[in-house]
């Protein structure tokens, strides 16, 4: 613990003291269990291993200048996990149990919450998996819900600096009316090959287009996309995009700043009209986009020539971070303070 260099953390896994678990059996959830084990005993025929009955969430806790620890939009994550459960027919975890487990996990590992101004935060990972043995394709009857936490640095090593993205048409992240709108591991597995190609070519991430026509912007591999044009915040709407809690928050803050907000299908050619572009999500908050290369079309859309984020992206980033760290008023009840 004494050897952690908080300001040099990557977005990776670091062992903490405890994790929190609850088991679903006979139609009900168990009381929370605290354990220091990093292992899960699991049946070889568990539905999570064979039929993808697995959903997860990601949220963060921050230590403010006043020493208080704050968790951002915990209830929204609980509700989104319930939506994921409905999407792949898993038992829904009550919101109150989710929130209790998050608070317990943070309190039990409070010494791992990075200090203020370190640039790091405590990442909270709720996980729900089907555990009962089932060889036929049908839902499990038993589930395990757990939360572990780990201190992390920025998702992209560059932090809040513009980086290049690439459009790769040969891969889809999710199908229309499939699992794209819920947070399940399969969506991320589907993005690994294209992500590897992008990284090898020097890009931060892939900007996926819609799977049906390849005409509209869907989302980036790890995050929602937004563009800024004429004092308007534009973000795609489709049946295969995960509803990012960070994006929802930025939409509210954009309106506060006097921006018009448009959530609608966004044609790829609109990229040339944006003054700024970014990817947003829990891990990165906002990752400004320097340019997007459409290799097959031999086009490049540039949003930052001087290596700096756009002024509106910067305002939104600072405004959201100020709320997360308790430095700005929380008008919307997004913050939960840890006692």
Foldseek 3Di string as FASTA:
>chain_A
DVPDQLLPFAADFDQFQWKKKWKFAPHDIDAIDIDRDPDDDADPQFCCVPPQQKFKFKWWWAQFPVRWIKTFQQLVRLVLVQVLCVQQVHDRDDSVRSVVRQLVQCVRRVVQADDPPSQKTKMKMKMKGGGDHDDDPDGHNMMMIMIHIHIGHANDPVAQWAWAEEEDAPFDLAAQVHCLQHGTPSSLVSQVVVQVVQVVVRGNWYFYAHNPPSFFTAATNVFWKWFAAPLEIETEDGRRHHPAPLVVVLCVVSVVVVGHYHYYTHTPVCLQRGLWMWTDHNRRSTHTHQWYAHPVVRDIRGNDDPRHHDPSVVVSSVVVVCVSNVNDDPPPPRMDIRD
